[in-house]
Amino acid sequence: MTAFNAVRFRVKPGRDQEFLDAHKTIGATWPGLLHASIIKTGDRSYCIIAEWQDMDACIEARPAMISTLNSFRDTLEDLGNGLGLTDPVAGPVISSLK
């Protein structure tokens, strides 16, 4: 069964393009990734949603995802409420609706 992860980010003023550019090579560097999209959720706010072969592939890719994060970490603002720079969630698909 496939799995998804989603991570919310807020980018510092004027750093949006650096943030977006840092994700250009994830298809080659995140093994097990099937598809990923970055959505703009507000002013300087983004969410990446990624689909994986399965939950094991998502877990195994975490070091590569962290490496990508480290390449643009300085472009991010703290999300507040004790979240830090990112708000990640992940899990296996339990129902495919369409």
PDB file of N, CA and C in Angstrom:
ATOM      1  N   MET A   1       0.846  -1.183   0.000  1.00  0.00           N
ATOM      2  CA  MET A   1       0.000   0.000   0.000  1.00  0.00           C
ATOM      3  C   MET A   1       0.885   1.238   0.000  1.00  0.00           C
ATOM      4  N   THR A   2       0.528   2.224  -0.820  1.00  0.00           N
ATOM      5  CA  THR A   2       1.310   3.454  -0.875  1.00  0.00           C
ATOM      6  C   THR A   2       1.181   4.217   0.443  1.00  0.00           C
ATOM      7  N   ALA A   3       2.058   5.194   0.604  1.00  0.00           N
ATOM      8  CA  ALA A   3       2.049   6.053   1.789  1.00  0.00           C
ATOM      9  C   ALA A   3       2.259   7.493   1.337  1.00  0.00           C
ATOM     10  N   PHE A   4       1.882   8.410   2.186  1.00  0.00           N
ATOM     11  CA  PHE A   4       2.072   9.833   1.923  1.00  0.00           C
ATOM     12  C   PHE A   4       2.734  10.488   3.116  1.00  0.00           C
ATOM     13  N   ASN A   5       3.478  11.565   2.827  1.00  0.00           N
ATOM     14  CA  ASN A   5       3.895  12.448   3.896  1.00  0.00           C
ATOM     15  C   ASN A   5       3.610  13.872   3.455  1.00  0.00           C
ATOM     16  N   ALA A   6       3.375  14.714   4.426  1.00  0.00           N
ATOM     17  CA  ALA A   6       3.122  16.127   4.176  1.00  0.00           C
ATOM     18  C   ALA A   6       3.906  16.925   5.195  1.00  0.00           C
ATOM     19  N   VAL A   7       4.494  18.031   4.733  1.00  0.00           N
ATOM     20  CA  VAL A   7       5.270  18.889   5.623  1.00  0.00           C
ATOM     21  C   VAL A   7       4.901  20.332   5.333  1.00  0.00           C
ATOM     22  N   ARG A   8       4.575  21.058   6.390  1.00  0.00           N
ATOM     23  CA  ARG A   8       4.222  22.463   6.288  1.00  0.00           C
ATOM     24  C   ARG A   8       5.441  23.319   6.596  1.00  0.00           C
ATOM     25  N   PHE A   9       5.586  24.428   5.845  1.00  0.00           N
ATOM     26  CA  PHE A   9       6.712  25.343   6.004  1.00  0.00           C
ATOM     27  C   PHE A   9       6.223  26.789   5.926  1.00  0.00           C
ATOM     28  N   ARG A  10       6.960  27.712   6.560  1.00  0.00           N
ATOM     29  CA  ARG A  10       6.790  29.148   6.346  1.00  0.00           C
ATOM     30  C   ARG A  10       8.168  29.693   5.993  1.00  0.00           C
ATOM     31  N   VAL A  11       8.235  30.395   4.870  1.00  0.00           N
ATOM     32  CA  VAL A  11       9.505  30.887   4.334  1.00  0.00           C
ATOM     33  C   VAL A  11       9.722  32.337   4.761  1.00  0.00           C
ATOM     34  N   LYS A  12      10.953  32.675   5.058  1.00  0.00           N
ATOM     35  CA  LYS A  12      11.303  34.050   5.402  1.00  0.00           C
ATOM     36  C   LYS A  12      11.011  34.971   4.212  1.00  0.00           C
ATOM     37  N   PRO A  13      10.713  36.236   4.492  1.00  0.00           N
ATOM     38  CA  PRO A  13      10.429  37.181   3.406  1.00  0.00           C
ATOM     39  C   PRO A  13      11.553  37.209   2.370  1.00  0.00           C
ATOM     40  N   GLY A  14      11.160  37.153   1.092  1.00  0.00           N
ATOM     41  CA  GLY A  14      12.123  37.244  -0.003  1.00  0.00           C
ATOM     42  C   GLY A  14      12.903  35.977  -0.301  1.00  0.00           C
ATOM     43  N   ARG A  15      12.605  34.867   0.359  1.00  0.00           N
ATOM     44  CA  ARG A  15      13.381  33.631   0.198  1.00  0.00           C
ATOM     45  C   ARG A  15      12.595  32.517  -0.488  1.00  0.00           C
ATOM     46  N   ASP A  16      11.407  32.829  -1.014  1.00  0.00           N
ATOM     47  CA  ASP A  16      10.544  31.809  -1.615  1.00  0.00           C
ATOM     48  C   ASP A  16      11.253  31.026  -2.726  1.00  0.00           C
ATOM     49  N   GLN A  17      11.918  31.716  -3.636  1.00  0.00           N
ATOM     50  CA  GLN A  17      12.530  31.024  -4.772  1.00  0.00           C
ATOM     51  C   GLN A  17      13.642  30.084  -4.323  1.00  0.00           C
ATOM     52  N   GLU A  18      14.430  30.479  -3.323  1.00  0.00           N
ATOM     53  CA  GLU A  18      15.461  29.579  -2.775  1.00  0.00           C
ATOM     54  C   GLU A  18      14.826  28.302  -2.226  1.00  0.00           C
ATOM     55  N   PHE A  19      13.730  28.469  -1.508  1.00  0.00           N
ATOM     56  CA  PHE A  19      13.004  27.328  -0.955  1.00  0.00           C
ATOM     57  C   PHE A  19      12.542  26.403  -2.082  1.00  0.00           C
ATOM     58  N   LEU A  20      11.925  26.964  -3.107  1.00  0.00           N
ATOM     59  CA  LEU A  20      11.421  26.161  -4.219  1.00  0.00           C
ATOM     60  C   LEU A  20      12.556  25.496  -4.993  1.00  0.00           C
ATOM     61  N   ASP A  21      13.632  26.226  -5.233  1.00  0.00           N
ATOM     62  CA  ASP A  21      14.774  25.676  -5.972  1.00  0.00           C
ATOM     63  C   ASP A  21      15.410  24.490  -5.250  1.00  0.00           C
ATOM     64  N   ALA A  22      15.391  24.491  -3.938  1.00  0.00           N
ATOM     65  CA  ALA A  22      16.012  23.416  -3.158  1.00  0.00           C
ATOM     66  C   ALA A  22      15.321  22.074  -3.388  1.00  0.00           C
ATOM     67  N   HIS A  23      14.118  22.083  -3.922  1.00  0.00           N
ATOM     68  CA  HIS A  23      13.358  20.852  -4.135  1.00  0.00           C
ATOM     69  C   HIS A  23      13.460  20.307  -5.553  1.00  0.00           C
ATOM     70  N   LYS A  24      14.209  20.958  -6.424  1.00  0.00           N
ATOM     71  CA  LYS A  24      14.252  20.564  -7.837  1.00  0.00           C
ATOM     72  C   LYS A  24      14.840  19.177  -8.087  1.00  0.00           C
ATOM     73  N   THR A  25      15.687  18.670  -7.193  1.00  0.00           N
ATOM     74  CA  THR A  25      16.345  17.381  -7.432  1.00  0.00           C
ATOM     75  C   THR A  25      15.802  16.250  -6.572  1.00  0.00           C
ATOM     76  N   ILE A  26      14.698  16.461  -5.889  1.00  0.00           N
ATOM     77  CA  ILE A  26      14.240  15.414  -4.967  1.00  0.00           C
ATOM     78  C   ILE A  26      13.856  14.124  -5.675  1.00  0.00           C
ATOM     79  N   GLY A  27      13.414  14.205  -6.921  1.00  0.00           N
ATOM     80  CA  GLY A  27      13.056  12.992  -7.654  1.00  0.00           C
ATOM     81  C   GLY A  27      14.221  12.031  -7.799  1.00  0.00           C
ATOM     82  N   ALA A  28      15.423  12.570  -7.900  1.00  0.00           N
ATOM     83  CA  ALA A  28      16.617  11.738  -8.061  1.00  0.00           C
ATOM     84  C   ALA A  28      17.247  11.353  -6.727  1.00  0.00           C
ATOM     85  N   THR A  29      16.954  12.112  -5.669  1.00  0.00           N
ATOM     86  CA  THR A  29      17.661  11.890  -4.403  1.00  0.00           C
ATOM     87  C   THR A  29      16.804  11.288  -3.301  1.00  0.00           C
ATOM     88  N   TRP A  30      15.505  11.141  -3.533  1.00  0.00           N
ATOM     89  CA  TRP A  30      14.635  10.527  -2.541  1.00  0.00           C
ATOM     90  C   TRP A  30      14.174   9.175  -3.070  1.00  0.00           C
ATOM     91  N   PRO A  31      14.864   8.088  -2.743  1.00  0.00           N
ATOM     92  CA  PRO A  31      14.493   6.765  -3.253  1.00  0.00           C
ATOM     93  C   PRO A  31      13.101   6.352  -2.765  1.00  0.00           C
ATOM     94  N   GLY A  32      12.339   5.729  -3.658  1.00  0.00           N
ATOM     95  CA  GLY A  32      11.005   5.270  -3.303  1.00  0.00           C
ATOM     96  C   GLY A  32       9.914   6.305  -3.528  1.00  0.00           C
ATOM     97  N   LEU A  33      10.293   7.542  -3.885  1.00  0.00           N
ATOM     98  CA  LEU A  33       9.321   8.600  -4.131  1.00  0.00           C
ATOM     99  C   LEU A  33       8.591   8.340  -5.442  1.00  0.00           C
ATOM    100  N   LEU A  34       7.265   8.367  -5.402  1.00  0.00           N
ATOM    101  CA  LEU A  34       6.460   8.203  -6.613  1.00  0.00           C
ATOM    102  C   LEU A  34       6.078   9.541  -7.214  1.00  0.00           C
ATOM    103  N   HIS A  35       5.700  10.487  -6.361  1.00  0.00           N
ATOM    104  CA  HIS A  35       5.236  11.792  -6.832  1.00  0.00           C
ATOM    105  C   HIS A  35       5.306  12.770  -5.661  1.00  0.00           C
ATOM    106  N   ALA A  36       5.599  14.027  -5.968  1.00  0.00           N
ATOM    107  CA  ALA A  36       5.588  15.065  -4.932  1.00  0.00           C
ATOM    108  C   ALA A  36       5.075  16.360  -5.532  1.00  0.00           C
ATOM    109  N   SER A  37       4.346  17.108  -4.723  1.00  0.00           N
ATOM    110  CA  SER A  37       3.845  18.420  -5.123  1.00  0.00           C
ATOM    111  C   SER A  37       4.068  19.400  -3.986  1.00  0.00           C
ATOM    112  N   ILE A  38       4.391  20.632  -4.355  1.00  0.00           N
ATOM    113  CA  ILE A  38       4.468  21.713  -3.381  1.00  0.00           C
ATOM    114  C   ILE A  38       3.263  22.598  -3.638  1.00  0.00           C
ATOM    115  N   ILE A  39       2.499  22.840  -2.592  1.00  0.00           N
ATOM    116  CA  ILE A  39       1.350  23.724  -2.731  1.00  0.00           C
ATOM    117  C   ILE A  39       1.584  24.992  -1.917  1.00  0.00           C
ATOM    118  N   LYS A  40       1.127  26.106  -2.451  1.00  0.00           N
ATOM    119  CA  LYS A  40       1.227  27.387  -1.749  1.00  0.00           C
ATOM    120  C   LYS A  40      -0.058  27.539  -0.947  1.00  0.00           C
ATOM    121  N   THR A  41       0.067  27.613   0.368  1.00  0.00           N
ATOM    122  CA  THR A  41      -1.097  27.637   1.242  1.00  0.00           C
ATOM    123  C   THR A  41      -1.397  29.019   1.806  1.00  0.00           C
ATOM    124  N   GLY A  42      -0.556  29.991   1.463  1.00  0.00           N
ATOM    125  CA  GLY A  42      -0.740  31.352   1.947  1.00  0.00           C
ATOM    126  C   GLY A  42       0.498  32.159   1.634  1.00  0.00           C
ATOM    127  N   ASP A  43       0.529  33.386   2.127  1.00  0.00           N
ATOM    128  CA  ASP A  43       1.690  34.241   1.922  1.00  0.00           C
ATOM    129  C   ASP A  43       2.908  33.627   2.603  1.00  0.00           C
ATOM    130  N   ARG A  44       3.886  33.210   1.814  1.00  0.00           N
ATOM    131  CA  ARG A  44       5.129  32.595   2.284  1.00  0.00           C
ATOM    132  C   ARG A  44       4.896  31.254   2.979  1.00  0.00           C
ATOM    133  N   SER A  45       3.734  30.667   2.816  1.00  0.00           N
ATOM    134  CA  SER A  45       3.410  29.378   3.437  1.00  0.00           C
ATOM    135  C   SER A  45       3.253  28.314   2.358  1.00  0.00           C
ATOM    136  N   TYR A  46       3.868  27.158   2.609  1.00  0.00           N
ATOM    137  CA  TYR A  46       3.868  26.065   1.642  1.00  0.00           C
ATOM    138  C   TYR A  46       3.670  24.738   2.364  1.00  0.00           C
ATOM    139  N   CYS A  47       3.259  23.743   1.588  1.00  0.00           N
ATOM    140  CA  CYS A  47       3.168  22.376   2.079  1.00  0.00           C
ATOM    141  C   CYS A  47       3.653  21.466   0.952  1.00  0.00           C
ATOM    142  N   ILE A  48       4.533  20.541   1.273  1.00  0.00           N
ATOM    143  CA  ILE A  48       4.921  19.526   0.297  1.00  0.00           C
ATOM    144  C   ILE A  48       4.174  18.249   0.649  1.00  0.00           C
ATOM    145  N   ILE A  49       3.612  17.635  -0.376  1.00  0.00           N
ATOM    146  CA  ILE A  49       2.887  16.381  -0.211  1.00  0.00           C
ATOM    147  C   ILE A  49       3.552  15.368  -1.130  1.00  0.00           C
ATOM    148  N   ALA A  50       4.019  14.268  -0.563  1.00  0.00           N
ATOM    149  CA  ALA A  50       4.760  13.273  -1.330  1.00  0.00           C
ATOM    150  C   ALA A  50       4.107  11.903  -1.211  1.00  0.00           C
ATOM    151  N   GLU A  51       4.094  11.190  -2.327  1.00  0.00           N
ATOM    152  CA  GLU A  51       3.559   9.827  -2.369  1.00  0.00           C
ATOM    153  C   GLU A  51       4.727   8.857  -2.501  1.00  0.00           C
ATOM    154  N   TRP A  52       4.692   7.792  -1.718  1.00  0.00           N
ATOM    155  CA  TRP A  52       5.775   6.814  -1.645  1.00  0.00           C
ATOM    156  C   TRP A  52       5.272   5.428  -2.029  1.00  0.00           C
ATOM    157  N   GLN A  53       6.194   4.569  -2.429  1.00  0.00           N
ATOM    158  CA  GLN A  53       5.845   3.183  -2.772  1.00  0.00           C
ATOM    159  C   GLN A  53       5.114   2.511  -1.616  1.00  0.00           C
ATOM    160  N   ASP A  54       5.602   2.746  -0.414  1.00  0.00           N
ATOM    161  CA  ASP A  54       4.997   2.212   0.802  1.00  0.00           C
ATOM    162  C   ASP A  54       5.602   2.953   1.986  1.00  0.00           C
ATOM    163  N   MET A  55       5.123   2.667   3.182  1.00  0.00           N
ATOM    164  CA  MET A  55       5.601   3.372   4.372  1.00  0.00           C
ATOM    165  C   MET A  55       7.081   3.091   4.626  1.00  0.00           C
ATOM    166  N   ASP A  56       7.537   1.880   4.326  1.00  0.00           N
ATOM    167  CA  ASP A  56       8.958   1.570   4.505  1.00  0.00           C
ATOM    168  C   ASP A  56       9.824   2.473   3.634  1.00  0.00           C
ATOM    169  N   ALA A  57       9.405   2.727   2.389  1.00  0.00           N
ATOM    170  CA  ALA A  57      10.166   3.606   1.498  1.00  0.00           C
ATOM    171  C   ALA A  57      10.222   5.024   2.061  1.00  0.00           C
ATOM    172  N   CYS A  58       9.105   5.492   2.611  1.00  0.00           N
ATOM    173  CA  CYS A  58       9.067   6.824   3.218  1.00  0.00           C
ATOM    174  C   CYS A  58      10.034   6.907   4.393  1.00  0.00           C
ATOM    175  N   ILE A  59      10.022   5.891   5.226  1.00  0.00           N
ATOM    176  CA  ILE A  59      10.917   5.859   6.392  1.00  0.00           C
ATOM    177  C   ILE A  59      12.373   5.797   5.945  1.00  0.00           C
ATOM    178  N   GLU A  60      12.670   4.960   4.963  1.00  0.00           N
ATOM    179  CA  GLU A  60      14.043   4.807   4.482  1.00  0.00           C
ATOM    180  C   GLU A  60      14.568   6.082   3.821  1.00  0.00           C
ATOM    181  N   ALA A  61      13.665   6.916   3.295  1.00  0.00           N
ATOM    182  CA  ALA A  61      14.075   8.157   2.626  1.00  0.00           C
ATOM    183  C   ALA A  61      14.266   9.317   3.604  1.00  0.00           C
ATOM    184  N   ARG A  62      13.966   9.124   4.859  1.00  0.00           N
ATOM    185  CA  ARG A  62      14.071  10.233   5.822  1.00  0.00           C
ATOM    186  C   ARG A  62      15.450  10.875   5.843  1.00  0.00           C
ATOM    187  N   PRO A  63      16.553  10.128   5.823  1.00  0.00           N
ATOM    188  CA  PRO A  63      17.861  10.810   5.785  1.00  0.00           C
ATOM    189  C   PRO A  63      18.016  11.715   4.559  1.00  0.00           C
ATOM    190  N   ALA A  64      17.514  11.278   3.408  1.00  0.00           N
ATOM    191  CA  ALA A  64      17.588  12.110   2.199  1.00  0.00           C
ATOM    192  C   ALA A  64      16.691  13.335   2.340  1.00  0.00           C
ATOM    193  N   MET A  65      15.517  13.167   2.941  1.00  0.00           N
ATOM    194  CA  MET A  65      14.622  14.304   3.152  1.00  0.00           C
ATOM    195  C   MET A  65      15.252  15.311   4.110  1.00  0.00           C
ATOM    196  N   ILE A  66      15.900  14.823   5.155  1.00  0.00           N
ATOM    197  CA  ILE A  66      16.573  15.707   6.111  1.00  0.00           C
ATOM    198  C   ILE A  66      17.732  16.428   5.442  1.00  0.00           C
ATOM    199  N   SER A  67      18.449  15.735   4.576  1.00  0.00           N
ATOM    200  CA  SER A  67      19.536  16.374   3.832  1.00  0.00           C
ATOM    201  C   SER A  67      19.005  17.513   2.965  1.00  0.00           C
ATOM    202  N   THR A  68      17.881  17.280   2.297  1.00  0.00           N
ATOM    203  CA  THR A  68      17.258  18.346   1.512  1.00  0.00           C
ATOM    204  C   THR A  68      16.847  19.493   2.422  1.00  0.00           C
ATOM    205  N   LEU A  69      16.214  19.192   3.545  1.00  0.00           N
ATOM    206  CA  LEU A  69      15.822  20.221   4.500  1.00  0.00           C
ATOM    207  C   LEU A  69      17.023  21.045   4.947  1.00  0.00           C
ATOM    208  N   ASN A  70      18.120  20.373   5.234  1.00  0.00           N
ATOM    209  CA  ASN A  70      19.319  21.088   5.682  1.00  0.00           C
ATOM    210  C   ASN A  70      19.836  22.061   4.629  1.00  0.00           C
ATOM    211  N   SER A  71      19.556  21.792   3.346  1.00  0.00           N
ATOM    212  CA  SER A  71      20.035  22.665   2.274  1.00  0.00           C
ATOM    213  C   SER A  71      19.260  23.986   2.194  1.00  0.00           C
ATOM    214  N   PHE A  72      18.072  24.050   2.799  1.00  0.00           N
ATOM    215  CA  PHE A  72      17.296  25.298   2.767  1.00  0.00           C
ATOM    216  C   PHE A  72      16.778  25.716   4.142  1.00  0.00           C
ATOM    217  N   ARG A  73      17.241  25.071   5.180  1.00  0.00           N
ATOM    218  CA  ARG A  73      16.775  25.341   6.551  1.00  0.00           C
ATOM    219  C   ARG A  73      16.834  26.828   6.898  1.00  0.00           C
ATOM    220  N   ASP A  74      17.876  27.514   6.429  1.00  0.00           N
ATOM    221  CA  ASP A  74      18.035  28.934   6.770  1.00  0.00           C
ATOM    222  C   ASP A  74      17.005  29.836   6.085  1.00  0.00           C
ATOM    223  N   THR A  75      16.207  29.300   5.149  1.00  0.00           N
ATOM    224  CA  THR A  75      15.168  30.091   4.488  1.00  0.00           C
ATOM    225  C   THR A  75      13.851  30.057   5.261  1.00  0.00           C
ATOM    226  N   LEU A  76      13.777  29.240   6.317  1.00  0.00           N
ATOM    227  CA  LEU A  76      12.511  28.999   7.010  1.00  0.00           C
ATOM    228  C   LEU A  76      12.351  29.818   8.274  1.00  0.00           C
ATOM    229  N   GLU A  77      11.103  30.129   8.573  1.00  0.00           N
ATOM    230  CA  GLU A  77      10.734  30.772   9.835  1.00  0.00           C
ATOM    231  C   GLU A  77      10.112  29.730  10.753  1.00  0.00           C
ATOM    232  N   ASP A  78      10.250  29.940  12.034  1.00  0.00           N
ATOM    233  CA  ASP A  78       9.598  29.085  13.019  1.00  0.00           C
ATOM    234  C   ASP A  78       8.084  29.192  12.836  1.00  0.00           C
ATOM    235  N   LEU A  79       7.396  28.076  12.876  1.00  0.00           N
ATOM    236  CA  LEU A  79       5.942  28.049  12.707  1.00  0.00           C
ATOM    237  C   LEU A  79       5.191  28.477  13.965  1.00  0.00           C
ATOM    238  N   GLY A  80       5.891  28.534  15.092  1.00  0.00           N
ATOM    239  CA  GLY A  80       5.258  28.919  16.348  1.00  0.00           C
ATOM    240  C   GLY A  80       4.584  27.753  17.040  1.00  0.00           C
ATOM    241  N   ASN A  81       4.024  28.024  18.190  1.00  0.00           N
ATOM    242  CA  ASN A  81       3.301  27.025  18.988  1.00  0.00           C
ATOM    243  C   ASN A  81       4.130  25.780  19.272  1.00  0.00           C
ATOM    244  N   GLY A  82       5.453  25.935  19.366  1.00  0.00           N
ATOM    245  CA  GLY A  82       6.331  24.813  19.685  1.00  0.00           C
ATOM    246  C   GLY A  82       6.611  23.871  18.535  1.00  0.00           C
ATOM    247  N   LEU A  83       6.187  24.205  17.313  1.00  0.00           N
ATOM    248  CA  LEU A  83       6.382  23.312  16.170  1.00  0.00           C
ATOM    249  C   LEU A  83       7.803  23.346  15.621  1.00  0.00           C
ATOM    250  N   GLY A  84       8.470  24.452  15.709  1.00  0.00           N
ATOM    251  CA  GLY A  84       9.787  24.576  15.084  1.00  0.00           C
ATOM    252  C   GLY A  84       9.639  25.005  13.630  1.00  0.00           C
ATOM    253  N   LEU A  85      10.571  24.583  12.786  1.00  0.00           N
ATOM    254  CA  LEU A  85      10.601  25.023  11.392  1.00  0.00           C
ATOM    255  C   LEU A  85       9.694  24.229  10.467  1.00  0.00           C
ATOM    256  N   THR A  86       9.293  23.026  10.862  1.00  0.00           N
ATOM    257  CA  THR A  86       8.466  22.182   9.996  1.00  0.00           C
ATOM    258  C   THR A  86       7.350  21.539  10.812  1.00  0.00           C
ATOM    259  N   ASP A  87       6.311  21.148  10.099  1.00  0.00           N
ATOM    260  CA  ASP A  87       5.193  20.439  10.717  1.00  0.00           C
ATOM    261  C   ASP A  87       4.922  19.199   9.868  1.00  0.00           C
ATOM    262  N   PRO A  88       5.685  18.087  10.107  1.00  0.00           N
ATOM    263  CA  PRO A  88       5.563  16.895   9.272  1.00  0.00           C
ATOM    264  C   PRO A  88       4.572  15.868   9.819  1.00  0.00           C
ATOM    265  N   VAL A  89       3.921  15.173   8.872  1.00  0.00           N
ATOM    266  CA  VAL A  89       3.076  14.012   9.188  1.00  0.00           C
ATOM    267  C   VAL A  89       3.271  12.994   8.080  1.00  0.00           C
ATOM    268  N   ALA A  90       3.054  11.719   8.385  1.00  0.00           N
ATOM    269  CA  ALA A  90       3.203  10.656   7.374  1.00  0.00           C
ATOM    270  C   ALA A  90       2.372   9.462   7.788  1.00  0.00           C
ATOM    271  N   GLY A  91       1.974   8.680   6.782  1.00  0.00           N
ATOM    272  CA  GLY A  91       1.247   7.460   7.085  1.00  0.00           C
ATOM    273  C   GLY A  91       0.862   6.703   5.834  1.00  0.00           C
ATOM    274  N   PRO A  92       0.485   5.440   6.012  1.00  0.00           N
ATOM    275  CA  PRO A  92       0.069   4.621   4.868  1.00  0.00           C
ATOM    276  C   PRO A  92      -1.344   4.987   4.428  1.00  0.00           C
ATOM    277  N   VAL A  93      -1.627   4.766   3.160  1.00  0.00           N
ATOM    278  CA  VAL A  93      -2.974   4.976   2.638  1.00  0.00           C
ATOM    279  C   VAL A  93      -3.871   3.895   3.226  1.00  0.00           C
ATOM    280  N   ILE A  94      -4.992   4.303   3.800  1.00  0.00           N
ATOM    281  CA  ILE A  94      -5.940   3.323   4.336  1.00  0.00           C
ATOM    282  C   ILE A  94      -7.209   3.263   3.502  1.00  0.00           C
ATOM    283  N   SER A  95      -7.434   4.303   2.668  1.00  0.00           N
ATOM    284  CA  SER A  95      -8.589   4.315   1.791  1.00  0.00           C
ATOM    285  C   SER A  95      -8.293   5.266   0.622  1.00  0.00           C
ATOM    286  N   SER A  96      -8.474   4.787  -0.575  1.00  0.00           N
ATOM    287  CA  SER A  96      -8.293   5.622  -1.758  1.00  0.00           C
ATOM    288  C   SER A  96      -9.680   6.023  -2.258  1.00  0.00           C
ATOM    289  N   LEU A  97      -9.975   7.298  -2.225  1.00  0.00           N
ATOM    290  CA  LEU A  97     -11.327   7.776  -2.502  1.00  0.00           C
ATOM    291  C   LEU A  97     -11.609   8.007  -3.981  1.00  0.00           C
ATOM    292  N   LYS A  98     -10.597   8.295  -4.758  1.00  0.00           N
ATOM    293  CA  LYS A  98     -10.787   8.455  -6.203  1.00  0.00           C
ATOM    294  C   LYS A  98      -9.456   8.288  -6.904  1.00  0.00           C
TER     295      LYS A  98
END
